[in-house]
Amino acid sequence: MTALTPNSARNFILDNTALTAPPHVPEIVLHLADEAHELWQRTEDELAEIGLPPPFWAFAWAGGQGLARYILDNPSDVHGKRVLDFASGSGLVAIAAAKAGAAEVIAADIDPFCATAIRLNAEANDVALKFLGSDCIGTDTGWDVVLAGDVFYDKSFADRLMPWFATLKARGADIIVGDPGRSYMPKTGLEPLAVYEVAVTRALEDALVKRTTVWRFA
């Protein structure tokens, strides 16, 4: 593989994943990797020359599972609304929002593989999603709700997110995040909505279960 194309991305995803229901969200199936280290290494070896990032889209991370569970259990938070799923990865949270009756769901991620992974996962769950492949931090196209799972793992990234989330919140958007205790989760200005014990991949999280909280920016 020397260049990423929609067809090569599709083939890579289908060759390295299987349709699996995340343990905390059994209503949804995703193309997920069975062995974290094996796919991670294959991706590094095979795709390094075209500069693709690690395959975050191939795993159901704790924050996303918790947030998707909350949305499915509380559909009124998104029903009939225009929703952005930021840093969508596999599209898990976006799919949950679509299943919960959102009027429109935009799955945003800058990883070029996500366009294909999210399309395949949306098809597997019989939902319609739009995909945004550009960096949308700092932009605003009038979303009613912004959902974000597992986004506070890096300080510089969190420092970019917080002013953007604050601006969106100030003009009336609902900002809901799922986080399993990442290092740069803000400590103030948040209302807890739900807490879950989410089964995860030990190879990635160094744990079998992560306590995950869903928060609303207050």
N, C-alpha and C. Protein backbone atom coordinates (compact mmCIF):
# COMPACT_ATOMS: atom_id res chain seq x y z
N MET A 1 0.85 -1.19 0.00
CA MET A 1 0.00 0.00 0.00
C MET A 1 0.89 1.24 0.00
N THR A 2 0.82 2.03 -1.04
CA THR A 2 1.67 3.20 -1.14
C THR A 2 0.89 4.51 -1.10
N ALA A 3 -0.40 4.44 -1.25
CA ALA A 3 -1.22 5.64 -1.18
C ALA A 3 -2.60 5.26 -0.69
N LEU A 4 -3.20 6.14 0.08
CA LEU A 4 -4.53 5.87 0.62
C LEU A 4 -5.59 6.22 -0.42
N THR A 5 -6.43 5.28 -0.75
CA THR A 5 -7.58 5.52 -1.61
C THR A 5 -8.80 4.96 -0.90
N PRO A 6 -10.01 5.38 -1.27
CA PRO A 6 -11.19 4.80 -0.63
C PRO A 6 -11.21 3.28 -0.70
N ASN A 7 -10.78 2.72 -1.83
CA ASN A 7 -10.82 1.27 -1.97
C ASN A 7 -9.76 0.59 -1.11
N SER A 8 -8.54 1.16 -1.07
CA SER A 8 -7.49 0.54 -0.26
C SER A 8 -7.81 0.66 1.22
N ALA A 9 -8.40 1.79 1.62
CA ALA A 9 -8.79 1.94 3.01
C ALA A 9 -9.87 0.92 3.37
N ARG A 10 -10.83 0.75 2.50
CA ARG A 10 -11.91 -0.22 2.74
C ARG A 10 -11.33 -1.63 2.88
N ASN A 11 -10.43 -1.99 1.98
CA ASN A 11 -9.85 -3.32 2.03
C ASN A 11 -9.03 -3.53 3.30
N PHE A 12 -8.26 -2.51 3.69
CA PHE A 12 -7.46 -2.61 4.91
C PHE A 12 -8.35 -2.81 6.13
N ILE A 13 -9.43 -2.03 6.21
CA ILE A 13 -10.33 -2.14 7.35
C ILE A 13 -11.00 -3.51 7.40
N LEU A 14 -11.50 -3.97 6.27
CA LEU A 14 -12.18 -5.27 6.25
C LEU A 14 -11.22 -6.41 6.52
N ASP A 15 -9.96 -6.28 6.11
CA ASP A 15 -8.97 -7.34 6.32
C ASP A 15 -8.50 -7.41 7.77
N ASN A 16 -8.58 -6.30 8.51
CA ASN A 16 -7.97 -6.24 9.83
C ASN A 16 -8.97 -6.09 10.98
N THR A 17 -10.26 -6.13 10.67
CA THR A 17 -11.27 -5.97 11.72
C THR A 17 -12.39 -6.98 11.52
N ALA A 18 -13.26 -7.06 12.53
CA ALA A 18 -14.46 -7.89 12.43
C ALA A 18 -15.62 -7.10 13.03
N LEU A 19 -16.81 -7.33 12.50
CA LEU A 19 -17.99 -6.66 13.06
C LEU A 19 -18.23 -7.17 14.47
N THR A 20 -18.18 -6.25 15.44
CA THR A 20 -18.24 -6.61 16.85
C THR A 20 -19.09 -5.58 17.58
N ALA A 21 -19.85 -6.02 18.55
CA ALA A 21 -20.62 -5.09 19.39
C ALA A 21 -19.76 -4.67 20.58
N PRO A 22 -19.52 -3.39 20.79
CA PRO A 22 -18.79 -2.96 21.99
C PRO A 22 -19.53 -3.43 23.24
N PRO A 23 -18.80 -3.86 24.27
CA PRO A 23 -19.46 -4.47 25.43
C PRO A 23 -20.49 -3.58 26.12
N HIS A 24 -20.28 -2.27 26.11
CA HIS A 24 -21.19 -1.39 26.83
C HIS A 24 -22.32 -0.86 25.95
N VAL A 25 -22.21 -1.13 24.63
CA VAL A 25 -23.23 -0.64 23.70
C VAL A 25 -23.59 -1.77 22.74
N PRO A 26 -24.23 -2.82 23.24
CA PRO A 26 -24.48 -3.99 22.40
C PRO A 26 -25.46 -3.75 21.25
N GLU A 27 -26.16 -2.62 21.28
CA GLU A 27 -27.09 -2.31 20.19
C GLU A 27 -26.39 -1.92 18.89
N ILE A 28 -25.09 -1.64 18.99
CA ILE A 28 -24.33 -1.13 17.84
C ILE A 28 -23.22 -2.12 17.50
N VAL A 29 -22.97 -2.31 16.21
CA VAL A 29 -21.83 -3.12 15.77
C VAL A 29 -20.85 -2.23 15.02
N LEU A 30 -19.56 -2.51 15.19
CA LEU A 30 -18.50 -1.74 14.56
C LEU A 30 -17.44 -2.67 13.98
N HIS A 31 -16.73 -2.20 12.99
CA HIS A 31 -15.57 -2.92 12.50
C HIS A 31 -14.41 -2.63 13.46
N LEU A 32 -14.15 -3.59 14.35
CA LEU A 32 -13.15 -3.41 15.40
C LEU A 32 -12.02 -4.43 15.26
N ALA A 33 -10.85 -4.06 15.73
CA ALA A 33 -9.70 -4.96 15.72
C ALA A 33 -9.80 -5.95 16.87
N ASP A 34 -9.40 -7.17 16.61
CA ASP A 34 -9.38 -8.18 17.67
C ASP A 34 -8.17 -8.03 18.58
N GLU A 35 -7.00 -7.82 17.97
CA GLU A 35 -5.77 -7.73 18.74
C GLU A 35 -5.16 -6.34 18.56
N ALA A 36 -5.15 -5.59 19.63
CA ALA A 36 -4.70 -4.21 19.54
C ALA A 36 -3.27 -4.08 19.03
N HIS A 37 -2.37 -4.80 19.65
CA HIS A 37 -0.97 -4.62 19.29
C HIS A 37 -0.69 -5.06 17.86
N GLU A 38 -1.33 -6.12 17.41
CA GLU A 38 -1.08 -6.62 16.07
C GLU A 38 -1.48 -5.59 15.02
N LEU A 39 -2.68 -5.03 15.14
CA LEU A 39 -3.11 -4.04 14.15
C LEU A 39 -2.28 -2.77 14.26
N TRP A 40 -1.99 -2.36 15.49
CA TRP A 40 -1.19 -1.14 15.68
C TRP A 40 0.15 -1.30 14.97
N GLN A 41 0.80 -2.45 15.15
CA GLN A 41 2.10 -2.68 14.54
C GLN A 41 1.99 -2.76 13.02
N ARG A 42 0.97 -3.46 12.53
CA ARG A 42 0.77 -3.55 11.08
C ARG A 42 0.55 -2.17 10.48
N THR A 43 -0.20 -1.36 11.19
CA THR A 43 -0.46 -0.02 10.67
C THR A 43 0.84 0.79 10.63
N GLU A 44 1.63 0.70 11.69
CA GLU A 44 2.90 1.42 11.71
C GLU A 44 3.80 0.95 10.58
N ASP A 45 3.89 -0.35 10.39
CA ASP A 45 4.79 -0.91 9.39
C ASP A 45 4.33 -0.59 7.97
N GLU A 46 3.03 -0.77 7.72
CA GLU A 46 2.52 -0.69 6.35
C GLU A 46 2.21 0.73 5.90
N LEU A 47 1.89 1.60 6.86
CA LEU A 47 1.40 2.92 6.48
C LEU A 47 2.33 4.06 6.84
N ALA A 48 3.48 3.73 7.43
CA ALA A 48 4.38 4.79 7.87
C ALA A 48 4.77 5.72 6.73
N GLU A 49 4.99 5.14 5.55
CA GLU A 49 5.48 5.97 4.44
C GLU A 49 4.46 6.97 3.94
N ILE A 50 3.17 6.78 4.26
CA ILE A 50 2.18 7.77 3.84
C ILE A 50 1.67 8.58 5.03
N GLY A 51 2.33 8.40 6.19
CA GLY A 51 2.12 9.29 7.31
C GLY A 51 0.77 9.20 7.98
N LEU A 52 0.14 8.03 7.97
CA LEU A 52 -1.16 7.91 8.63
C LEU A 52 -1.00 7.68 10.13
N PRO A 53 -1.91 8.23 10.92
CA PRO A 53 -1.82 8.08 12.37
C PRO A 53 -2.25 6.69 12.83
N PRO A 54 -2.03 6.37 14.12
CA PRO A 54 -2.48 5.08 14.65
C PRO A 54 -3.98 4.90 14.47
N PRO A 55 -4.44 3.65 14.39
CA PRO A 55 -5.86 3.39 14.03
C PRO A 55 -6.81 3.49 15.22
N PHE A 56 -7.01 4.71 15.72
CA PHE A 56 -7.95 4.91 16.81
C PHE A 56 -9.36 4.47 16.42
N TRP A 57 -9.65 4.51 15.12
CA TRP A 57 -10.97 4.13 14.61
C TRP A 57 -11.26 2.64 14.79
N ALA A 58 -10.25 1.83 15.10
CA ALA A 58 -10.43 0.37 15.17
C ALA A 58 -10.75 -0.13 16.57
N PHE A 59 -10.94 0.79 17.52
CA PHE A 59 -11.19 0.40 18.91
C PHE A 59 -12.32 1.23 19.49
N ALA A 60 -13.10 0.61 20.39
CA ALA A 60 -14.20 1.30 21.07
C ALA A 60 -13.67 1.79 22.41
N TRP A 61 -13.24 3.04 22.45
CA TRP A 61 -12.61 3.61 23.64
C TRP A 61 -13.64 3.86 24.73
N ALA A 62 -13.16 3.91 25.96
CA ALA A 62 -14.07 3.97 27.11
C ALA A 62 -14.95 5.21 27.10
N GLY A 63 -14.37 6.36 26.81
CA GLY A 63 -15.17 7.58 26.81
C GLY A 63 -16.27 7.55 25.76
N GLY A 64 -15.95 7.01 24.59
CA GLY A 64 -16.95 6.90 23.54
C GLY A 64 -18.04 5.91 23.88
N GLN A 65 -17.66 4.78 24.50
CA GLN A 65 -18.68 3.81 24.89
C GLN A 65 -19.62 4.40 25.94
N GLY A 66 -19.06 5.09 26.92
CA GLY A 66 -19.91 5.70 27.94
C GLY A 66 -20.84 6.76 27.36
N LEU A 67 -20.29 7.59 26.47
CA LEU A 67 -21.10 8.65 25.87
C LEU A 67 -22.19 8.07 24.97
N ALA A 68 -21.85 7.04 24.19
CA ALA A 68 -22.85 6.40 23.34
C ALA A 68 -23.96 5.76 24.17
N ARG A 69 -23.59 5.13 25.28
CA ARG A 69 -24.58 4.52 26.17
C ARG A 69 -25.52 5.59 26.72
N TYR A 70 -24.95 6.72 27.13
CA TYR A 70 -25.78 7.80 27.67
C TYR A 70 -26.76 8.31 26.62
N ILE A 71 -26.29 8.52 25.41
CA ILE A 71 -27.15 9.06 24.34
C ILE A 71 -28.28 8.08 24.02
N LEU A 72 -27.98 6.79 23.94
CA LEU A 72 -29.02 5.81 23.67
C LEU A 72 -30.05 5.76 24.79
N ASP A 73 -29.59 5.95 26.02
CA ASP A 73 -30.50 5.89 27.17
C ASP A 73 -31.24 7.21 27.42
N ASN A 74 -30.74 8.30 26.82
CA ASN A 74 -31.34 9.63 27.01
C ASN A 74 -31.52 10.30 25.64
N PRO A 75 -32.34 9.71 24.78
CA PRO A 75 -32.43 10.20 23.40
C PRO A 75 -32.93 11.63 23.28
N SER A 76 -33.65 12.12 24.28
CA SER A 76 -34.19 13.49 24.18
C SER A 76 -33.08 14.53 24.08
N ASP A 77 -31.85 14.20 24.51
CA ASP A 77 -30.75 15.15 24.43
C ASP A 77 -30.34 15.45 22.99
N VAL A 78 -30.65 14.54 22.07
CA VAL A 78 -30.26 14.76 20.66
C VAL A 78 -31.43 14.67 19.69
N HIS A 79 -32.56 14.17 20.14
CA HIS A 79 -33.68 13.91 19.22
C HIS A 79 -34.10 15.18 18.49
N GLY A 80 -34.16 15.09 17.16
CA GLY A 80 -34.58 16.22 16.35
C GLY A 80 -33.56 17.33 16.22
N LYS A 81 -32.34 17.10 16.70
CA LYS A 81 -31.33 18.16 16.73
C LYS A 81 -30.20 17.88 15.73
N ARG A 82 -29.45 18.94 15.46
CA ARG A 82 -28.27 18.83 14.58
C ARG A 82 -27.05 18.60 15.46
N VAL A 83 -26.40 17.47 15.26
CA VAL A 83 -25.38 16.99 16.19
C VAL A 83 -24.03 16.88 15.50
N LEU A 84 -22.98 17.35 16.18
CA LEU A 84 -21.59 17.12 15.75
C LEU A 84 -20.96 16.12 16.71
N ASP A 85 -20.43 15.02 16.17
CA ASP A 85 -19.63 14.09 16.96
C ASP A 85 -18.18 14.40 16.65
N PHE A 86 -17.52 15.10 17.58
CA PHE A 86 -16.16 15.57 17.36
C PHE A 86 -15.14 14.48 17.67
N ALA A 87 -14.09 14.37 16.84
CA ALA A 87 -13.08 13.32 16.97
C ALA A 87 -13.76 11.95 17.00
N SER A 88 -14.52 11.70 15.96
CA SER A 88 -15.48 10.59 15.94
C SER A 88 -14.85 9.21 15.94
N GLY A 89 -13.66 9.05 15.35
CA GLY A 89 -13.01 7.74 15.34
C GLY A 89 -13.79 6.72 14.54
N SER A 90 -14.32 5.73 15.24
CA SER A 90 -15.11 4.67 14.59
C SER A 90 -16.50 5.13 14.18
N GLY A 91 -16.94 6.27 14.74
CA GLY A 91 -18.30 6.73 14.52
C GLY A 91 -19.30 6.21 15.54
N LEU A 92 -18.81 5.58 16.60
CA LEU A 92 -19.70 4.97 17.60
C LEU A 92 -20.70 5.98 18.16
N VAL A 93 -20.21 7.13 18.62
CA VAL A 93 -21.10 8.11 19.25
C VAL A 93 -22.05 8.72 18.21
N ALA A 94 -21.54 8.95 17.01
CA ALA A 94 -22.39 9.47 15.94
C ALA A 94 -23.52 8.50 15.61
N ILE A 95 -23.20 7.22 15.56
CA ILE A 95 -24.22 6.20 15.29
C ILE A 95 -25.26 6.18 16.40
N ALA A 96 -24.82 6.29 17.65
CA ALA A 96 -25.75 6.34 18.77
C ALA A 96 -26.70 7.54 18.64
N ALA A 97 -26.15 8.69 18.24
CA ALA A 97 -26.98 9.88 18.08
C ALA A 97 -28.01 9.69 16.97
N ALA A 98 -27.57 9.08 15.88
CA ALA A 98 -28.51 8.81 14.78
C ALA A 98 -29.61 7.86 15.22
N LYS A 99 -29.24 6.82 15.94
CA LYS A 99 -30.23 5.87 16.44
C LYS A 99 -31.19 6.52 17.44
N ALA A 100 -30.70 7.55 18.14
CA ALA A 100 -31.54 8.24 19.13
C ALA A 100 -32.44 9.30 18.51
N GLY A 101 -32.38 9.44 17.18
CA GLY A 101 -33.32 10.31 16.52
C GLY A 101 -32.83 11.70 16.19
N ALA A 102 -31.53 11.92 16.17
CA ALA A 102 -31.01 13.23 15.77
C ALA A 102 -31.45 13.54 14.34
N ALA A 103 -31.72 14.81 14.08
CA ALA A 103 -32.16 15.21 12.74
C ALA A 103 -31.02 15.11 11.74
N GLU A 104 -29.82 15.41 12.17
CA GLU A 104 -28.63 15.33 11.33
C GLU A 104 -27.44 15.06 12.22
N VAL A 105 -26.54 14.18 11.78
CA VAL A 105 -25.34 13.88 12.56
C VAL A 105 -24.13 14.03 11.65
N ILE A 106 -23.19 14.88 12.09
CA ILE A 106 -21.93 15.06 11.38
C ILE A 106 -20.83 14.42 12.23
N ALA A 107 -20.14 13.43 11.67
CA ALA A 107 -19.01 12.78 12.33
C ALA A 107 -17.74 13.45 11.83
N ALA A 108 -16.99 14.06 12.73
CA ALA A 108 -15.79 14.81 12.35
C ALA A 108 -14.54 14.12 12.86
N ASP A 109 -13.57 13.94 11.96
CA ASP A 109 -12.28 13.39 12.35
C ASP A 109 -11.27 13.72 11.27
N ILE A 110 -10.04 14.07 11.67
CA ILE A 110 -9.02 14.44 10.68
C ILE A 110 -8.24 13.24 10.17
N ASP A 111 -8.42 12.05 10.76
CA ASP A 111 -7.77 10.84 10.25
C ASP A 111 -8.45 10.43 8.95
N PRO A 112 -7.72 10.38 7.83
CA PRO A 112 -8.37 10.05 6.56
C PRO A 112 -8.99 8.66 6.52
N PHE A 113 -8.49 7.73 7.34
CA PHE A 113 -9.10 6.40 7.39
C PHE A 113 -10.53 6.46 7.93
N CYS A 114 -10.81 7.46 8.77
CA CYS A 114 -12.12 7.51 9.44
C CYS A 114 -13.26 7.70 8.46
N ALA A 115 -13.00 8.37 7.34
CA ALA A 115 -14.06 8.55 6.35
C ALA A 115 -14.62 7.21 5.92
N THR A 116 -13.73 6.25 5.67
CA THR A 116 -14.16 4.92 5.22
C THR A 116 -14.67 4.10 6.39
N ALA A 117 -13.97 4.14 7.53
CA ALA A 117 -14.40 3.35 8.69
C ALA A 117 -15.79 3.77 9.14
N ILE A 118 -16.04 5.06 9.21
CA ILE A 118 -17.34 5.55 9.66
C ILE A 118 -18.43 5.20 8.64
N ARG A 119 -18.10 5.30 7.36
CA ARG A 119 -19.09 4.92 6.35
C ARG A 119 -19.46 3.44 6.48
N LEU A 120 -18.47 2.58 6.64
CA LEU A 120 -18.73 1.14 6.80
C LEU A 120 -19.55 0.87 8.06
N ASN A 121 -19.20 1.55 9.15
CA ASN A 121 -19.92 1.32 10.40
C ASN A 121 -21.34 1.87 10.35
N ALA A 122 -21.54 3.00 9.67
CA ALA A 122 -22.89 3.53 9.51
C ALA A 122 -23.75 2.57 8.70
N GLU A 123 -23.17 2.02 7.63
CA GLU A 123 -23.91 1.05 6.81
C GLU A 123 -24.27 -0.19 7.63
N ALA A 124 -23.36 -0.64 8.47
CA ALA A 124 -23.61 -1.84 9.28
C ALA A 124 -24.74 -1.63 10.27
N ASN A 125 -24.98 -0.37 10.65
CA ASN A 125 -26.04 -0.06 11.62
C ASN A 125 -27.26 0.60 10.98
N ASP A 126 -27.25 0.69 9.65
CA ASP A 126 -28.39 1.21 8.90
C ASP A 126 -28.77 2.62 9.35
N VAL A 127 -27.75 3.49 9.48
CA VAL A 127 -28.00 4.90 9.81
C VAL A 127 -27.28 5.77 8.79
N ALA A 128 -27.73 7.01 8.67
CA ALA A 128 -27.13 7.97 7.76
C ALA A 128 -26.31 8.99 8.55
N LEU A 129 -25.04 9.13 8.19
CA LEU A 129 -24.16 10.11 8.82
C LEU A 129 -23.49 10.95 7.74
N LYS A 130 -23.17 12.18 8.07
CA LYS A 130 -22.30 12.99 7.25
C LYS A 130 -20.89 12.94 7.84
N PHE A 131 -19.88 13.11 6.99
CA PHE A 131 -18.50 13.08 7.48
C PHE A 131 -17.81 14.40 7.18
N LEU A 132 -17.07 14.90 8.18
CA LEU A 132 -16.28 16.12 8.04
C LEU A 132 -14.83 15.77 8.34
N GLY A 133 -13.96 15.89 7.34
CA GLY A 133 -12.58 15.46 7.49
C GLY A 133 -11.60 16.57 7.79
N SER A 134 -12.07 17.78 8.01
CA SER A 134 -11.18 18.90 8.30
C SER A 134 -11.15 19.20 9.80
N ASP A 135 -10.15 19.98 10.21
CA ASP A 135 -10.03 20.40 11.60
C ASP A 135 -11.10 21.46 11.86
N CYS A 136 -12.11 21.11 12.63
CA CYS A 136 -13.22 22.04 12.83
C CYS A 136 -13.11 22.82 14.13
N ILE A 137 -12.02 22.66 14.89
CA ILE A 137 -11.86 23.43 16.12
C ILE A 137 -11.85 24.92 15.77
N GLY A 138 -12.67 25.68 16.48
CA GLY A 138 -12.77 27.11 16.23
C GLY A 138 -13.86 27.49 15.25
N THR A 139 -14.48 26.51 14.62
CA THR A 139 -15.55 26.81 13.67
C THR A 139 -16.91 26.62 14.33
N ASP A 140 -17.95 27.07 13.64
CA ASP A 140 -19.31 26.93 14.18
C ASP A 140 -20.30 27.02 13.02
N THR A 141 -20.95 25.90 12.73
CA THR A 141 -21.98 25.93 11.69
C THR A 141 -23.38 25.71 12.28
N GLY A 142 -23.51 26.04 13.56
CA GLY A 142 -24.83 26.05 14.16
C GLY A 142 -25.30 24.74 14.75
N TRP A 143 -24.37 23.85 15.13
CA TRP A 143 -24.78 22.58 15.74
C TRP A 143 -25.56 22.86 17.02
N ASP A 144 -26.59 22.06 17.26
CA ASP A 144 -27.34 22.15 18.51
C ASP A 144 -26.61 21.44 19.65
N VAL A 145 -25.96 20.33 19.31
CA VAL A 145 -25.28 19.51 20.31
C VAL A 145 -23.92 19.12 19.77
N VAL A 146 -22.89 19.22 20.62
CA VAL A 146 -21.55 18.72 20.28
C VAL A 146 -21.21 17.61 21.26
N LEU A 147 -20.91 16.44 20.71
CA LEU A 147 -20.55 15.27 21.50
C LEU A 147 -19.06 14.99 21.30
N ALA A 148 -18.37 14.59 22.38
CA ALA A 148 -16.94 14.31 22.27
C ALA A 148 -16.55 13.25 23.28
N GLY A 149 -16.01 12.15 22.80
CA GLY A 149 -15.55 11.07 23.69
C GLY A 149 -14.04 10.96 23.67
N ASP A 150 -13.43 10.90 24.86
CA ASP A 150 -11.99 10.67 24.96
C ASP A 150 -11.17 11.73 24.23
N VAL A 151 -11.39 12.99 24.52
CA VAL A 151 -10.65 14.03 23.83
C VAL A 151 -9.64 14.77 24.71
N PHE A 152 -9.56 14.42 25.99
CA PHE A 152 -8.70 15.18 26.91
C PHE A 152 -7.44 14.40 27.30
N TYR A 153 -6.83 13.75 26.31
CA TYR A 153 -5.65 12.91 26.56
C TYR A 153 -4.34 13.66 26.34
N ASP A 154 -4.40 14.86 25.75
CA ASP A 154 -3.20 15.61 25.38
C ASP A 154 -3.39 17.07 25.78
N LYS A 155 -2.37 17.67 26.42
CA LYS A 155 -2.53 19.02 26.95
C LYS A 155 -2.74 20.05 25.84
N SER A 156 -1.93 20.00 24.80
CA SER A 156 -2.05 21.01 23.76
C SER A 156 -3.40 20.91 23.05
N PHE A 157 -3.88 19.68 22.89
CA PHE A 157 -5.19 19.47 22.26
C PHE A 157 -6.29 20.01 23.18
N ALA A 158 -6.23 19.68 24.46
CA ALA A 158 -7.22 20.17 25.41
C ALA A 158 -7.22 21.69 25.48
N ASP A 159 -6.03 22.29 25.40
CA ASP A 159 -5.94 23.75 25.45
C ASP A 159 -6.60 24.40 24.23
N ARG A 160 -6.63 23.71 23.10
CA ARG A 160 -7.34 24.22 21.92
C ARG A 160 -8.86 24.02 22.06
N LEU A 161 -9.24 22.89 22.67
CA LEU A 161 -10.66 22.56 22.76
C LEU A 161 -11.43 23.47 23.69
N MET A 162 -10.85 23.78 24.83
CA MET A 162 -11.63 24.45 25.87
C MET A 162 -12.18 25.82 25.44
N PRO A 163 -11.41 26.69 24.80
CA PRO A 163 -12.00 27.96 24.36
C PRO A 163 -13.09 27.76 23.31
N TRP A 164 -12.91 26.78 22.44
CA TRP A 164 -13.92 26.48 21.41
C TRP A 164 -15.21 26.00 22.05
N PHE A 165 -15.09 25.03 22.97
CA PHE A 165 -16.28 24.54 23.66
C PHE A 165 -16.97 25.67 24.42
N ALA A 166 -16.19 26.54 25.05
CA ALA A 166 -16.77 27.66 25.81
C ALA A 166 -17.53 28.60 24.89
N THR A 167 -16.99 28.87 23.71
CA THR A 167 -17.66 29.75 22.75
C THR A 167 -18.96 29.13 22.25
N LEU A 168 -18.92 27.83 21.94
CA LEU A 168 -20.13 27.14 21.48
C LEU A 168 -21.19 27.13 22.58
N LYS A 169 -20.75 26.86 23.81
CA LYS A 169 -21.68 26.83 24.93
C LYS A 169 -22.31 28.20 25.14
N ALA A 170 -21.52 29.26 25.01
CA ALA A 170 -22.02 30.61 25.26
C ALA A 170 -23.10 31.02 24.27
N ARG A 171 -23.06 30.48 23.05
CA ARG A 171 -24.09 30.85 22.08
C ARG A 171 -25.26 29.86 22.08
N GLY A 172 -25.22 28.85 22.99
CA GLY A 172 -26.39 28.02 23.19
C GLY A 172 -26.26 26.56 22.83
N ALA A 173 -25.09 26.13 22.35
CA ALA A 173 -24.91 24.71 22.04
C ALA A 173 -24.79 23.90 23.32
N ASP A 174 -25.22 22.66 23.26
CA ASP A 174 -25.09 21.72 24.38
C ASP A 174 -23.83 20.91 24.13
N ILE A 175 -22.88 20.94 25.06
CA ILE A 175 -21.61 20.23 24.93
C ILE A 175 -21.60 19.07 25.91
N ILE A 176 -21.54 17.84 25.40
CA ILE A 176 -21.57 16.64 26.26
C ILE A 176 -20.36 15.78 25.93
N VAL A 177 -19.60 15.42 26.95
CA VAL A 177 -18.36 14.67 26.73
C VAL A 177 -18.35 13.40 27.57
N GLY A 178 -17.65 12.39 27.07
CA GLY A 178 -17.43 11.17 27.83
C GLY A 178 -15.95 11.02 28.11
N ASP A 179 -15.60 10.78 29.37
CA ASP A 179 -14.18 10.75 29.73
C ASP A 179 -13.92 9.75 30.86
N PRO A 180 -12.91 8.87 30.68
CA PRO A 180 -12.58 7.90 31.72
C PRO A 180 -11.43 8.33 32.62
N GLY A 181 -11.38 9.63 32.91
CA GLY A 181 -10.33 10.13 33.79
C GLY A 181 -9.04 10.45 33.08
N ARG A 182 -9.10 10.93 31.84
CA ARG A 182 -7.90 11.34 31.13
C ARG A 182 -7.25 12.52 31.84
N SER A 183 -5.96 12.68 31.62
CA SER A 183 -5.16 13.62 32.42
C SER A 183 -5.59 15.06 32.30
N TYR A 184 -6.12 15.47 31.15
CA TYR A 184 -6.36 16.89 30.91
C TYR A 184 -7.84 17.23 30.85
N MET A 185 -8.66 16.37 31.43
CA MET A 185 -10.07 16.69 31.59
C MET A 185 -10.22 17.91 32.49
N PRO A 186 -10.99 18.92 32.09
CA PRO A 186 -11.15 20.10 32.96
C PRO A 186 -11.75 19.72 34.30
N LYS A 187 -11.36 20.46 35.33
CA LYS A 187 -11.78 20.15 36.69
C LYS A 187 -12.98 20.96 37.16
N THR A 188 -13.36 21.98 36.38
CA THR A 188 -14.48 22.84 36.78
C THR A 188 -15.40 23.09 35.60
N GLY A 189 -16.60 23.59 35.90
CA GLY A 189 -17.53 23.99 34.85
C GLY A 189 -18.26 22.84 34.20
N LEU A 190 -18.35 21.70 34.88
CA LEU A 190 -18.96 20.51 34.31
C LEU A 190 -20.03 19.94 35.24
N GLU A 191 -21.08 19.42 34.63
CA GLU A 191 -22.16 18.78 35.38
C GLU A 191 -22.14 17.28 35.06
N PRO A 192 -21.97 16.40 36.07
CA PRO A 192 -21.98 14.96 35.78
C PRO A 192 -23.38 14.48 35.44
N LEU A 193 -23.47 13.69 34.38
CA LEU A 193 -24.76 13.16 33.94
C LEU A 193 -24.91 11.68 34.22
N ALA A 194 -23.83 10.92 34.12
CA ALA A 194 -23.89 9.47 34.33
C ALA A 194 -22.48 8.94 34.54
N VAL A 195 -22.40 7.81 35.25
CA VAL A 195 -21.12 7.13 35.47
C VAL A 195 -21.28 5.67 35.10
N TYR A 196 -20.32 5.14 34.34
CA TYR A 196 -20.38 3.76 33.88
C TYR A 196 -19.05 3.05 34.15
N GLU A 197 -19.14 1.75 34.35
CA GLU A 197 -17.95 0.90 34.39
C GLU A 197 -17.85 0.22 33.03
N VAL A 198 -16.89 0.62 32.22
CA VAL A 198 -16.82 0.21 30.82
C VAL A 198 -15.68 -0.78 30.61
N ALA A 199 -15.99 -1.93 30.04
CA ALA A 199 -14.96 -2.91 29.69
C ALA A 199 -14.13 -2.40 28.52
N VAL A 200 -12.80 -2.52 28.63
CA VAL A 200 -11.90 -2.00 27.61
C VAL A 200 -10.81 -3.03 27.30
N THR A 201 -9.96 -2.69 26.34
CA THR A 201 -8.87 -3.56 25.93
C THR A 201 -7.64 -3.30 26.80
N ARG A 202 -7.21 -4.31 27.53
CA ARG A 202 -6.07 -4.14 28.43
C ARG A 202 -4.82 -3.68 27.69
N ALA A 203 -4.63 -4.17 26.47
CA ALA A 203 -3.42 -3.81 25.71
C ALA A 203 -3.33 -2.31 25.46
N LEU A 204 -4.48 -1.63 25.39
CA LEU A 204 -4.48 -0.20 25.14
C LEU A 204 -4.62 0.63 26.41
N GLU A 205 -5.37 0.13 27.38
CA GLU A 205 -5.71 0.93 28.55
C GLU A 205 -5.01 0.48 29.83
N ASP A 206 -4.30 -0.65 29.77
CA ASP A 206 -3.67 -1.22 30.96
C ASP A 206 -4.70 -1.47 32.06
N ALA A 207 -5.89 -1.86 31.65
CA ALA A 207 -6.97 -2.17 32.59
C ALA A 207 -8.02 -2.95 31.83
N LEU A 208 -8.88 -3.65 32.56
CA LEU A 208 -9.99 -4.36 31.94
C LEU A 208 -11.28 -3.56 32.00
N VAL A 209 -11.36 -2.62 32.96
CA VAL A 209 -12.56 -1.80 33.14
C VAL A 209 -12.11 -0.37 33.45
N LYS A 210 -12.75 0.60 32.81
CA LYS A 210 -12.46 2.00 33.09
C LYS A 210 -13.74 2.68 33.58
N ARG A 211 -13.65 3.35 34.71
CA ARG A 211 -14.78 4.13 35.24
C ARG A 211 -14.91 5.40 34.38
N THR A 212 -16.02 5.53 33.72
CA THR A 212 -16.21 6.58 32.73
C THR A 212 -17.38 7.47 33.11
N THR A 213 -17.14 8.77 33.07
CA THR A 213 -18.19 9.74 33.40
C THR A 213 -18.61 10.50 32.17
N VAL A 214 -19.89 10.74 32.03
CA VAL A 214 -20.43 11.62 30.99
C VAL A 214 -20.76 12.94 31.65
N TRP A 215 -20.25 14.01 31.04
CA TRP A 215 -20.37 15.36 31.61
C TRP A 215 -21.05 16.29 30.61
N ARG A 216 -21.77 17.25 31.13
CA ARG A 216 -22.28 18.36 30.32
C ARG A 216 -21.57 19.64 30.77
N PHE A 217 -21.13 20.42 29.79
CA PHE A 217 -20.54 21.72 30.14
C PHE A 217 -21.63 22.61 30.68
N ALA A 218 -21.44 23.10 31.89
CA ALA A 218 -22.46 23.88 32.59
C ALA A 218 -22.33 25.37 32.28
